[in-house]
Amino acid sequence: MAKVLLRVRTVKNDVRAVMNMKYDEGVEVAAKKLGMNVAYTEKGDVSSEEAVIEAIAAAFRKYNDLDVVFDKGGVGLEPMTYVFGKSATDVVRKALRIARSYIG
């Protein structure tokens, strides 16, 4: 996660924290329902951890102000949800909102 954060900070330096959650459609629906700014990693040649990290940074270059980036995985890569914020508590608040919406 440190590599993800360091790469994103080269694009958006006020992002100070990130956590990952499982990816499934319910998590995606919950984040969107809450009005969070979301993006997806591009489905090019995302076949390594480094490629995923670069795809996340590319999402920030494209959309700038993101709360959540969804990576639907690939060959040998597990799908993930990345939650970003200005502090660890900011990220936890977002993750809890997603979780509460997810479970209903």
Protein backbone atom coordinates (compact mmCIF):
# COMPACT_ATOMS: atom_id res chain seq x y z
CA MET A 1 0.00 0.00 0.00
CA ALA A 2 2.92 2.33 0.61
CA LYS A 3 3.90 2.11 -3.06
CA VAL A 4 0.35 3.00 -4.10
CA LEU A 5 0.28 6.00 -1.77
CA LEU A 6 3.71 7.26 -2.81
CA ARG A 7 2.83 7.05 -6.50
CA VAL A 8 -0.54 8.78 -6.04
CA ARG A 9 1.12 11.57 -4.04
CA THR A 10 3.24 12.42 -7.08
CA VAL A 11 -0.04 13.32 -8.79
CA LYS A 12 -2.12 14.61 -5.86
CA ASN A 13 -0.01 15.50 -2.84
CA ASP A 14 -2.85 16.10 -0.39
CA VAL A 15 -3.72 12.39 -0.42
CA ARG A 16 -2.11 11.13 2.78
CA ALA A 17 -3.73 7.73 3.35
CA VAL A 18 -5.08 4.71 1.51
CA MET A 19 -6.59 1.37 2.45
CA ASN A 20 -7.74 -1.54 0.39
CA MET A 21 -11.01 -3.40 0.69
CA LYS A 22 -12.39 -6.35 -1.18
CA TYR A 23 -13.92 -5.62 -4.53
CA ASP A 24 -17.36 -6.79 -5.45
CA GLU A 25 -20.28 -5.16 -7.18
CA GLY A 26 -21.97 -4.41 -3.84
CA VAL A 27 -19.00 -2.33 -2.69
CA GLU A 28 -19.04 -0.51 -6.03
CA VAL A 29 -22.78 0.21 -5.77
CA ALA A 30 -22.40 1.41 -2.17
CA ALA A 31 -19.63 3.89 -2.99
CA LYS A 32 -21.55 5.28 -5.95
CA LYS A 33 -24.78 5.49 -3.94
CA LEU A 34 -22.93 7.58 -1.35
CA GLY A 35 -21.87 10.02 -4.07
CA MET A 36 -18.18 9.25 -3.74
CA ASN A 37 -15.87 10.17 -6.59
CA VAL A 38 -14.88 6.85 -8.14
CA ALA A 39 -12.71 5.64 -11.00
CA TYR A 40 -11.51 2.36 -12.44
CA THR A 41 -8.09 1.17 -13.45
CA GLU A 42 -7.84 0.92 -17.22
CA LYS A 43 -8.00 -2.63 -18.53
CA GLY A 44 -4.83 -2.51 -20.62
CA ASP A 45 -1.86 -4.67 -19.75
CA VAL A 46 -2.46 -4.63 -15.98
CA SER A 47 -0.65 -7.85 -15.24
CA SER A 48 1.70 -6.88 -12.42
CA GLU A 49 1.58 -4.99 -9.14
CA GLU A 50 3.60 -2.15 -10.69
CA ALA A 51 1.13 -1.91 -13.59
CA VAL A 52 -1.79 -1.69 -11.15
CA ILE A 53 -0.02 1.08 -9.20
CA GLU A 54 0.60 3.02 -12.40
CA ALA A 55 -3.04 2.51 -13.47
CA ILE A 56 -4.22 3.95 -10.14
CA ALA A 57 -1.93 6.98 -10.57
CA ALA A 58 -3.27 7.38 -14.12
CA ALA A 59 -6.82 7.47 -12.72
CA PHE A 60 -5.78 10.35 -10.44
CA ARG A 61 -4.15 12.16 -13.37
CA LYS A 62 -7.39 11.81 -15.33
CA TYR A 63 -9.93 12.62 -12.58
CA ASN A 64 -7.79 14.31 -9.87
CA ASP A 65 -10.26 14.29 -6.97
CA LEU A 66 -11.03 10.65 -6.16
CA ASP A 67 -12.27 8.86 -3.07
CA VAL A 68 -12.22 5.32 -4.46
CA VAL A 69 -10.43 3.49 -7.26
CA PHE A 70 -11.72 0.08 -8.30
CA ASP A 71 -9.35 -2.46 -9.80
CA LYS A 72 -11.24 -5.47 -11.14
CA GLY A 73 -8.09 -7.60 -11.19
CA GLY A 74 -6.53 -9.62 -13.92
CA VAL A 75 -4.53 -12.78 -14.49
CA GLY A 76 -2.97 -13.54 -11.11
CA LEU A 77 -4.24 -10.28 -9.59
CA GLU A 78 -7.06 -10.14 -7.07
CA PRO A 79 -9.77 -7.50 -7.57
CA MET A 80 -9.42 -4.64 -5.05
CA THR A 81 -11.07 -1.46 -3.91
CA TYR A 82 -8.71 1.35 -2.90
CA VAL A 83 -10.09 4.06 -0.60
CA PHE A 84 -8.10 7.34 -0.49
CA GLY A 85 -8.22 10.32 1.84
CA LYS A 86 -6.42 13.26 3.37
CA SER A 87 -5.77 11.36 6.61
CA ALA A 88 -6.12 7.89 8.07
CA THR A 89 -9.30 8.92 9.88
CA ASP A 90 -10.71 10.35 6.64
CA VAL A 91 -10.12 6.99 4.93
CA VAL A 92 -11.66 5.07 7.83
CA ARG A 93 -14.76 7.28 7.77
CA LYS A 94 -15.17 6.65 4.04
CA ALA A 95 -14.62 2.91 4.45
CA LEU A 96 -17.17 2.74 7.28
CA ARG A 97 -19.73 4.63 5.18
CA ILE A 98 -19.19 2.17 2.34
CA ALA A 99 -19.45 -0.80 4.72
CA ARG A 100 -22.65 0.47 6.33
CA SER A 101 -24.24 1.08 2.95
CA TYR A 102 -23.04 -2.31 1.73
CA ILE A 103 -24.65 -4.25 4.59
CA GLY A 104 -27.80 -2.15 4.49
